[in-house]
């Protein structure tokens, strides 16, 4: 890959609330995606593919789920810190 990635994910971790505590369902996810590149995500049912995808664009449930840590950058913009109206644009 040459130049800055269009999408960069660093140390992403997602947790769900259950049984009085927080339980990690995605741990330490990292990848870069260059303009024009295609990334395939493969895994067994329940392995976290959908949770990961929803976390990247902040479409996780508002209650009982949280991004515990990590960074998601798209075209240099930190998606996890954007206000919701800016993210929608």
PDB file of N, CA and C in Angstrom:
ATOM      1  N   UNK A   1       0.856  -1.176   0.000  1.00  0.00           N
ATOM      2  CA  UNK A   1       0.000   0.000   0.000  1.00  0.00           C
ATOM      3  C   UNK A   1       0.898   1.234   0.000  1.00  0.00           C
ATOM      4  N   UNK A   2       0.550   2.197  -0.822  1.00  0.00           N
ATOM      5  CA  UNK A   2       1.296   3.448  -0.855  1.00  0.00           C
ATOM      6  C   UNK A   2       0.395   4.565  -0.371  1.00  0.00           C
ATOM      7  N   UNK A   3       0.985   5.518   0.349  1.00  0.00           N
ATOM      8  CA  UNK A   3       0.204   6.629   0.868  1.00  0.00           C
ATOM      9  C   UNK A   3      -0.627   6.224   2.078  1.00  0.00           C
ATOM     10  N   UNK A   4      -1.383   7.185   2.568  1.00  0.00           N
ATOM     11  CA  UNK A   4      -2.224   6.949   3.738  1.00  0.00           C
ATOM     12  C   UNK A   4      -3.419   6.086   3.360  1.00  0.00           C
ATOM     13  N   UNK A   5      -3.817   5.189   4.253  1.00  0.00           N
ATOM     14  CA  UNK A   5      -5.000   4.373   3.968  1.00  0.00           C
ATOM     15  C   UNK A   5      -6.265   5.225   3.982  1.00  0.00           C
ATOM     16  N   UNK A   6      -7.260   4.826   3.196  1.00  0.00           N
ATOM     17  CA  UNK A   6      -8.550   5.523   3.217  1.00  0.00           C
ATOM     18  C   UNK A   6      -9.320   5.162   4.495  1.00  0.00           C
ATOM     19  N   UNK A   7      -9.128   3.923   4.968  1.00  0.00           N
ATOM     20  CA  UNK A   7      -9.747   3.458   6.207  1.00  0.00           C
ATOM     21  C   UNK A   7      -8.675   2.787   7.044  1.00  0.00           C
ATOM     22  N   UNK A   8      -8.530   3.226   8.290  1.00  0.00           N
ATOM     23  CA  UNK A   8      -7.567   2.633   9.220  1.00  0.00           C
ATOM     24  C   UNK A   8      -8.294   2.292  10.515  1.00  0.00           C
ATOM     25  N   UNK A   9      -8.180   1.068  10.932  1.00  0.00           N
ATOM     26  CA  UNK A   9      -8.789   0.604  12.181  1.00  0.00           C
ATOM     27  C   UNK A   9      -7.655   0.154  13.092  1.00  0.00           C
ATOM     28  N   UNK A  10      -7.631   0.658  14.309  1.00  0.00           N
ATOM     29  CA  UNK A  10      -6.568   0.355  15.255  1.00  0.00           C
ATOM     30  C   UNK A  10      -7.144  -0.088  16.595  1.00  0.00           C
ATOM     31  N   UNK A  11      -6.774  -1.288  17.009  1.00  0.00           N
ATOM     32  CA  UNK A  11      -7.057  -1.823  18.348  1.00  0.00           C
ATOM     33  C   UNK A  11      -8.531  -1.693  18.753  1.00  0.00           C
ATOM     34  N   UNK A  12      -9.438  -1.960  17.829  1.00  0.00           N
ATOM     35  CA  UNK A  12     -10.873  -1.827  18.103  1.00  0.00           C
ATOM     36  C   UNK A  12     -11.346  -2.954  19.024  1.00  0.00           C
ATOM     37  N   UNK A  13     -12.059  -2.575  20.061  1.00  0.00           N
ATOM     38  CA  UNK A  13     -12.657  -3.531  20.992  1.00  0.00           C
ATOM     39  C   UNK A  13     -14.094  -3.115  21.267  1.00  0.00           C
ATOM     40  N   UNK A  14     -15.008  -4.080  21.198  1.00  0.00           N
ATOM     41  CA  UNK A  14     -16.438  -3.829  21.420  1.00  0.00           C
ATOM     42  C   UNK A  14     -16.921  -4.743  22.537  1.00  0.00           C
ATOM     43  N   UNK A  15     -17.754  -4.199  23.413  1.00  0.00           N
ATOM     44  CA  UNK A  15     -18.275  -4.957  24.550  1.00  0.00           C
ATOM     45  C   UNK A  15     -19.792  -4.890  24.603  1.00  0.00           C
ATOM     46  N   UNK A  16     -20.397  -5.973  25.100  1.00  0.00           N
ATOM     47  CA  UNK A  16     -21.832  -6.041  25.363  1.00  0.00           C
ATOM     48  C   UNK A  16     -22.057  -6.252  26.845  1.00  0.00           C
ATOM     49  N   UNK A  17     -23.111  -5.649  27.383  1.00  0.00           N
ATOM     50  CA  UNK A  17     -23.475  -5.838  28.782  1.00  0.00           C
ATOM     51  C   UNK A  17     -24.277  -7.122  28.923  1.00  0.00           C
ATOM     52  N   UNK A  18     -23.889  -7.936  29.898  1.00  0.00           N
ATOM     53  CA  UNK A  18     -24.616  -9.175  30.185  1.00  0.00           C
ATOM     54  C   UNK A  18     -24.216  -9.668  31.575  1.00  0.00           C
ATOM     55  N   UNK A  19     -25.183 -10.201  32.281  1.00  0.00           N
ATOM     56  CA  UNK A  19     -24.929 -10.800  33.599  1.00  0.00           C
ATOM     57  C   UNK A  19     -24.211  -9.848  34.548  1.00  0.00           C
ATOM     58  N   UNK A  20     -24.594  -8.580  34.517  1.00  0.00           N
ATOM     59  CA  UNK A  20     -24.047  -7.596  35.440  1.00  0.00           C
ATOM     60  C   UNK A  20     -22.657  -7.079  35.110  1.00  0.00           C
ATOM     61  N   UNK A  21     -22.148  -7.380  33.933  1.00  0.00           N
ATOM     62  CA  UNK A  21     -20.811  -6.900  33.564  1.00  0.00           C
ATOM     63  C   UNK A  21     -20.698  -6.673  32.075  1.00  0.00           C
ATOM     64  N   UNK A  22     -19.519  -6.271  31.658  1.00  0.00           N
ATOM     65  CA  UNK A  22     -19.227  -6.036  30.239  1.00  0.00           C
ATOM     66  C   UNK A  22     -18.383  -7.190  29.713  1.00  0.00           C
ATOM     67  N   UNK A  23     -18.767  -7.696  28.533  1.00  0.00           N
ATOM     68  CA  UNK A  23     -18.090  -8.844  27.942  1.00  0.00           C
ATOM     69  C   UNK A  23     -17.602  -8.476  26.543  1.00  0.00           C
ATOM     70  N   UNK A  24     -16.320  -8.684  26.323  1.00  0.00           N
ATOM     71  CA  UNK A  24     -15.684  -8.321  25.063  1.00  0.00           C
ATOM     72  C   UNK A  24     -16.097  -9.295  23.974  1.00  0.00           C
ATOM     73  N   UNK A  25     -16.600  -8.768  22.841  1.00  0.00           N
ATOM     74  CA  UNK A  25     -17.010  -9.611  21.714  1.00  0.00           C
ATOM     75  C   UNK A  25     -16.140  -9.374  20.479  1.00  0.00           C
ATOM     76  N   UNK A  26     -15.474  -8.235  20.419  1.00  0.00           N
ATOM     77  CA  UNK A  26     -14.470  -7.952  19.386  1.00  0.00           C
ATOM     78  C   UNK A  26     -13.255  -7.437  20.142  1.00  0.00           C
ATOM     79  N   UNK A  27     -12.078  -7.953  19.800  1.00  0.00           N
ATOM     80  CA  UNK A  27     -10.865  -7.622  20.558  1.00  0.00           C
ATOM     81  C   UNK A  27      -9.696  -7.361  19.619  1.00  0.00           C
ATOM     82  N   UNK A  28      -9.099  -6.185  19.727  1.00  0.00           N
ATOM     83  CA  UNK A  28      -7.844  -5.884  19.051  1.00  0.00           C
ATOM     84  C   UNK A  28      -7.877  -5.887  17.532  1.00  0.00           C
ATOM     85  N   UNK A  29      -8.991  -5.514  16.940  1.00  0.00           N
ATOM     86  CA  UNK A  29      -9.114  -5.518  15.475  1.00  0.00           C
ATOM     87  C   UNK A  29      -8.265  -4.400  14.874  1.00  0.00           C
ATOM     88  N   UNK A  30      -7.455  -4.749  13.870  1.00  0.00           N
ATOM     89  CA  UNK A  30      -6.618  -3.767  13.190  1.00  0.00           C
ATOM     90  C   UNK A  30      -6.518  -4.107  11.710  1.00  0.00           C
ATOM     91  N   UNK A  31      -6.704  -3.092  10.865  1.00  0.00           N
ATOM     92  CA  UNK A  31      -6.445  -3.242   9.434  1.00  0.00           C
ATOM     93  C   UNK A  31      -6.407  -1.873   8.780  1.00  0.00           C
ATOM     94  N   UNK A  32      -5.774  -1.825   7.605  1.00  0.00           N
ATOM     95  CA  UNK A  32      -5.751  -0.641   6.744  1.00  0.00           C
ATOM     96  C   UNK A  32      -6.375  -1.030   5.416  1.00  0.00           C
ATOM     97  N   UNK A  33      -7.056  -0.094   4.816  1.00  0.00           N
ATOM     98  CA  UNK A  33      -7.661  -0.312   3.509  1.00  0.00           C
ATOM     99  C   UNK A  33      -7.314   0.880   2.630  1.00  0.00           C
ATOM    100  N   UNK A  34      -6.630   0.606   1.515  1.00  0.00           N
ATOM    101  CA  UNK A  34      -6.237   1.664   0.585  1.00  0.00           C
ATOM    102  C   UNK A  34      -7.361   1.935  -0.412  1.00  0.00           C
ATOM    103  N   UNK A  35      -7.360   3.106  -0.987  1.00  0.00           N
ATOM    104  CA  UNK A  35      -8.340   3.446  -2.025  1.00  0.00           C
ATOM    105  C   UNK A  35      -8.253   2.397  -3.138  1.00  0.00           C
ATOM    106  N   UNK A  36      -9.388   1.863  -3.537  1.00  0.00           N
ATOM    107  CA  UNK A  36      -9.447   0.859  -4.587  1.00  0.00           C
ATOM    108  C   UNK A  36      -9.255  -0.574  -4.108  1.00  0.00           C
ATOM    109  N   UNK A  37      -8.844  -0.763  -2.874  1.00  0.00           N
ATOM    110  CA  UNK A  37      -8.674  -2.103  -2.321  1.00  0.00           C
ATOM    111  C   UNK A  37     -10.005  -2.674  -1.877  1.00  0.00           C
ATOM    112  N   UNK A  38     -10.085  -3.985  -1.858  1.00  0.00           N
ATOM    113  CA  UNK A  38     -11.268  -4.688  -1.364  1.00  0.00           C
ATOM    114  C   UNK A  38     -10.827  -5.565  -0.206  1.00  0.00           C
ATOM    115  N   UNK A  39     -11.619  -5.579   0.857  1.00  0.00           N
ATOM    116  CA  UNK A  39     -11.324  -6.393   2.029  1.00  0.00           C
ATOM    117  C   UNK A  39     -12.478  -7.350   2.258  1.00  0.00           C
ATOM    118  N   UNK A  40     -12.193  -8.630   2.344  1.00  0.00           N
ATOM    119  CA  UNK A  40     -13.203  -9.632   2.661  1.00  0.00           C
ATOM    120  C   UNK A  40     -13.087 -10.026   4.121  1.00  0.00           C
ATOM    121  N   UNK A  41     -14.199 -10.061   4.819  1.00  0.00           N
ATOM    122  CA  UNK A  41     -14.233 -10.476   6.219  1.00  0.00           C
ATOM    123  C   UNK A  41     -14.925 -11.829   6.273  1.00  0.00           C
ATOM    124  N   UNK A  42     -14.220 -12.826   6.751  1.00  0.00           N
ATOM    125  CA  UNK A  42     -14.725 -14.198   6.774  1.00  0.00           C
ATOM    126  C   UNK A  42     -14.658 -14.723   8.197  1.00  0.00           C
ATOM    127  N   UNK A  43     -15.663 -15.460   8.602  1.00  0.00           N
ATOM    128  CA  UNK A  43     -15.651 -16.075   9.926  1.00  0.00           C
ATOM    129  C   UNK A  43     -16.919 -16.859  10.167  1.00  0.00           C
ATOM    130  N   UNK A  44     -16.873 -17.664  11.188  1.00  0.00           N
ATOM    131  CA  UNK A  44     -18.035 -18.461  11.563  1.00  0.00           C
ATOM    132  C   UNK A  44     -19.165 -17.554  12.030  1.00  0.00           C
ATOM    133  N   UNK A  45     -20.360 -18.096  12.017  1.00  0.00           N
ATOM    134  CA  UNK A  45     -21.512 -17.393  12.559  1.00  0.00           C
ATOM    135  C   UNK A  45     -21.221 -17.047  14.022  1.00  0.00           C
ATOM    136  N   UNK A  46     -21.461 -15.790  14.379  1.00  0.00           N
ATOM    137  CA  UNK A  46     -21.234 -15.368  15.756  1.00  0.00           C
ATOM    138  C   UNK A  46     -19.809 -14.934  16.054  1.00  0.00           C
ATOM    139  N   UNK A  47     -18.965 -14.834  15.025  1.00  0.00           N
ATOM    140  CA  UNK A  47     -17.562 -14.491  15.264  1.00  0.00           C
ATOM    141  C   UNK A  47     -17.308 -12.986  15.377  1.00  0.00           C
ATOM    142  N   UNK A  48     -18.316 -12.152  15.088  1.00  0.00           N
ATOM    143  CA  UNK A  48     -18.168 -10.711  15.274  1.00  0.00           C
ATOM    144  C   UNK A  48     -18.116  -9.889  14.002  1.00  0.00           C
ATOM    145  N   UNK A  49     -18.381 -10.490  12.856  1.00  0.00           N
ATOM    146  CA  UNK A  49     -18.310  -9.749  11.585  1.00  0.00           C
ATOM    147  C   UNK A  49     -19.299  -8.584  11.559  1.00  0.00           C
ATOM    148  N   UNK A  50     -20.531  -8.819  11.918  1.00  0.00           N
ATOM    149  CA  UNK A  50     -21.547  -7.768  11.893  1.00  0.00           C
ATOM    150  C   UNK A  50     -21.289  -6.733  12.972  1.00  0.00           C
ATOM    151  N   UNK A  51     -20.901  -7.168  14.161  1.00  0.00           N
ATOM    152  CA  UNK A  51     -20.587  -6.223  15.242  1.00  0.00           C
ATOM    153  C   UNK A  51     -19.443  -5.313  14.813  1.00  0.00           C
ATOM    154  N   UNK A  52     -18.410  -5.884  14.205  1.00  0.00           N
ATOM    155  CA  UNK A  52     -17.287  -5.095  13.724  1.00  0.00           C
ATOM    156  C   UNK A  52     -17.753  -4.063  12.699  1.00  0.00           C
ATOM    157  N   UNK A  53     -18.532  -4.494  11.723  1.00  0.00           N
ATOM    158  CA  UNK A  53     -19.008  -3.597  10.675  1.00  0.00           C
ATOM    159  C   UNK A  53     -19.857  -2.473  11.252  1.00  0.00           C
ATOM    160  N   UNK A  54     -20.730  -2.803  12.161  1.00  0.00           N
ATOM    161  CA  UNK A  54     -21.581  -1.771  12.774  1.00  0.00           C
ATOM    162  C   UNK A  54     -20.773  -0.823  13.650  1.00  0.00           C
ATOM    163  N   UNK A  55     -19.748  -1.338  14.317  1.00  0.00           N
ATOM    164  CA  UNK A  55     -18.904  -0.482  15.153  1.00  0.00           C
ATOM    165  C   UNK A  55     -18.165   0.543  14.305  1.00  0.00           C
ATOM    166  N   UNK A  56     -17.709   0.138  13.125  1.00  0.00           N
ATOM    167  CA  UNK A  56     -16.949   1.046  12.260  1.00  0.00           C
ATOM    168  C   UNK A  56     -17.756   2.280  11.889  1.00  0.00           C
ATOM    169  N   UNK A  57     -19.066   2.118  11.711  1.00  0.00           N
ATOM    170  CA  UNK A  57     -19.913   3.251  11.319  1.00  0.00           C
ATOM    171  C   UNK A  57     -20.871   3.669  12.434  1.00  0.00           C
ATOM    172  N   UNK A  58     -20.575   3.216  13.637  1.00  0.00           N
ATOM    173  CA  UNK A  58     -21.316   3.586  14.861  1.00  0.00           C
ATOM    174  C   UNK A  58     -22.815   3.300  14.769  1.00  0.00           C
ATOM    175  N   UNK A  59     -23.128   2.125  14.297  1.00  0.00           N
ATOM    176  CA  UNK A  59     -24.527   1.692  14.262  1.00  0.00           C
ATOM    177  C   UNK A  59     -24.789   0.573  15.268  1.00  0.00           C
ATOM    178  N   UNK A  60     -24.035   0.562  16.344  1.00  0.00           N
ATOM    179  CA  UNK A  60     -24.268  -0.405  17.422  1.00  0.00           C
ATOM    180  C   UNK A  60     -25.482   0.052  18.231  1.00  0.00           C
ATOM    181  N   UNK A  61     -26.145  -0.872  18.926  1.00  0.00           N
ATOM    182  CA  UNK A  61     -27.253  -0.461  19.795  1.00  0.00           C
ATOM    183  C   UNK A  61     -26.783   0.582  20.812  1.00  0.00           C
ATOM    184  N   UNK A  62     -27.630   1.546  21.103  1.00  0.00           N
ATOM    185  CA  UNK A  62     -27.275   2.625  22.034  1.00  0.00           C
ATOM    186  C   UNK A  62     -27.161   2.129  23.478  1.00  0.00           C
ATOM    187  N   UNK A  63     -27.916   1.090  23.805  1.00  0.00           N
ATOM    188  CA  UNK A  63     -27.901   0.561  25.179  1.00  0.00           C
ATOM    189  C   UNK A  63     -27.324  -0.847  25.172  1.00  0.00           C
ATOM    190  N   UNK A  64     -26.491  -1.117  26.166  1.00  0.00           N
ATOM    191  CA  UNK A  64     -25.971  -2.463  26.348  1.00  0.00           C
ATOM    192  C   UNK A  64     -24.828  -2.832  25.424  1.00  0.00           C
ATOM    193  N   UNK A  65     -24.255  -1.845  24.757  1.00  0.00           N
ATOM    194  CA  UNK A  65     -23.156  -2.117  23.836  1.00  0.00           C
ATOM    195  C   UNK A  65     -22.265  -0.878  23.793  1.00  0.00           C
ATOM    196  N   UNK A  66     -20.949  -1.091  23.734  1.00  0.00           N
ATOM    197  CA  UNK A  66     -20.050   0.056  23.680  1.00  0.00           C
ATOM    198  C   UNK A  66     -18.748  -0.304  22.970  1.00  0.00           C
ATOM    199  N   UNK A  67     -18.144   0.710  22.390  1.00  0.00           N
ATOM    200  CA  UNK A  67     -16.798   0.572  21.866  1.00  0.00           C
ATOM    201  C   UNK A  67     -15.882   0.858  23.043  1.00  0.00           C
ATOM    202  N   UNK A  68     -15.173  -0.161  23.492  1.00  0.00           N
ATOM    203  CA  UNK A  68     -14.349  -0.052  24.695  1.00  0.00           C
ATOM    204  C   UNK A  68     -13.055   0.701  24.429  1.00  0.00           C
ATOM    205  N   UNK A  69     -12.517   0.533  23.225  1.00  0.00           N
ATOM    206  CA  UNK A  69     -11.292   1.248  22.869  1.00  0.00           C
ATOM    207  C   UNK A  69     -11.066   1.122  21.367  1.00  0.00           C
ATOM    208  N   UNK A  70     -10.123   1.913  20.886  1.00  0.00           N
ATOM    209  CA  UNK A  70      -9.727   1.819  19.489  1.00  0.00           C
ATOM    210  C   UNK A  70      -9.962   3.102  18.723  1.00  0.00           C
ATOM    211  N   UNK A  71      -9.472   3.097  17.485  1.00  0.00           N
ATOM    212  CA  UNK A  71      -9.618   4.234  16.581  1.00  0.00           C
ATOM    213  C   UNK A  71     -10.089   3.731  15.229  1.00  0.00           C
ATOM    214  N   UNK A  72     -10.987   4.501  14.618  1.00  0.00           N
ATOM    215  CA  UNK A  72     -11.435   4.234  13.253  1.00  0.00           C
ATOM    216  C   UNK A  72     -11.306   5.554  12.507  1.00  0.00           C
ATOM    217  N   UNK A  73     -10.441   5.563  11.488  1.00  0.00           N
ATOM    218  CA  UNK A  73     -10.178   6.777  10.724  1.00  0.00           C
ATOM    219  C   UNK A  73     -10.548   6.538   9.269  1.00  0.00           C
ATOM    220  N   UNK A  74     -11.401   7.412   8.720  1.00  0.00           N
ATOM    221  CA  UNK A  74     -11.793   7.353   7.316  1.00  0.00           C
ATOM    222  C   UNK A  74     -11.395   8.661   6.658  1.00  0.00           C
ATOM    223  N   UNK A  75     -10.559   8.570   5.638  1.00  0.00           N
ATOM    224  CA  UNK A  75     -10.033   9.751   4.943  1.00  0.00           C
ATOM    225  C   UNK A  75      -9.496  10.779   5.939  1.00  0.00           C
ATOM    226  N   UNK A  76      -8.786  10.310   6.958  1.00  0.00           N
ATOM    227  CA  UNK A  76      -8.165  11.172   7.951  1.00  0.00           C
ATOM    228  C   UNK A  76      -9.079  11.669   9.047  1.00  0.00           C
ATOM    229  N   UNK A  77     -10.362  11.341   8.985  1.00  0.00           N
ATOM    230  CA  UNK A  77     -11.350  11.800   9.968  1.00  0.00           C
ATOM    231  C   UNK A  77     -11.614  10.694  10.983  1.00  0.00           C
ATOM    232  N   UNK A  78     -11.513  11.027  12.268  1.00  0.00           N
ATOM    233  CA  UNK A  78     -11.787  10.061  13.338  1.00  0.00           C
ATOM    234  C   UNK A  78     -13.296   9.848  13.443  1.00  0.00           C
ATOM    235  N   UNK A  79     -13.786   8.701  12.997  1.00  0.00           N
ATOM    236  CA  UNK A  79     -15.226   8.438  12.979  1.00  0.00           C
ATOM    237  C   UNK A  79     -15.814   8.254  14.374  1.00  0.00           C
ATOM    238  N   UNK A  80     -15.025   7.794  15.326  1.00  0.00           N
ATOM    239  CA  UNK A  80     -15.562   7.522  16.658  1.00  0.00           C
ATOM    240  C   UNK A  80     -15.789   8.785  17.476  1.00  0.00           C
ATOM    241  N   UNK A  81     -15.164   9.889  17.081  1.00  0.00           N
ATOM    242  CA  UNK A  81     -15.346  11.135  17.834  1.00  0.00           C
ATOM    243  C   UNK A  81     -16.250  12.137  17.117  1.00  0.00           C
ATOM    244  N   UNK A  82     -16.688  11.815  15.910  1.00  0.00           N
ATOM    245  CA  UNK A  82     -17.563  12.736  15.172  1.00  0.00           C
ATOM    246  C   UNK A  82     -18.936  12.849  15.828  1.00  0.00           C
ATOM    247  N   UNK A  83     -19.501  14.044  15.879  1.00  0.00           N
ATOM    248  CA  UNK A  83     -20.886  14.165  16.322  1.00  0.00           C
ATOM    249  C   UNK A  83     -21.797  13.404  15.341  1.00  0.00           C
ATOM    250  N   UNK A  84     -22.938  12.935  15.814  1.00  0.00           N
ATOM    251  CA  UNK A  84     -23.819  12.108  14.990  1.00  0.00           C
ATOM    252  C   UNK A  84     -24.277  12.805  13.708  1.00  0.00           C
ATOM    253  N   UNK A  85     -24.563  14.106  13.776  1.00  0.00           N
ATOM    254  CA  UNK A  85     -25.018  14.809  12.565  1.00  0.00           C
ATOM    255  C   UNK A  85     -23.906  14.876  11.511  1.00  0.00           C
ATOM    256  N   UNK A  86     -22.664  15.039  11.936  1.00  0.00           N
ATOM    257  CA  UNK A  86     -21.533  15.045  11.003  1.00  0.00           C
ATOM    258  C   UNK A  86     -21.310  13.659  10.417  1.00  0.00           C
ATOM    259  N   UNK A  87     -21.482  12.649  11.213  1.00  0.00           N
ATOM    260  CA  UNK A  87     -21.325  11.268  10.751  1.00  0.00           C
ATOM    261  C   UNK A  87     -22.398  10.944   9.711  1.00  0.00           C
ATOM    262  N   UNK A  88     -23.613  11.424   9.913  1.00  0.00           N
ATOM    263  CA  UNK A  88     -24.706  11.168   8.981  1.00  0.00           C
ATOM    264  C   UNK A  88     -24.429  11.785   7.603  1.00  0.00           C
ATOM    265  N   UNK A  89     -23.747  12.935   7.610  1.00  0.00           N
ATOM    266  CA  UNK A  89     -23.407  13.587   6.330  1.00  0.00           C
ATOM    267  C   UNK A  89     -22.365  12.764   5.612  1.00  0.00           C
TER     268      UNK A  89
END
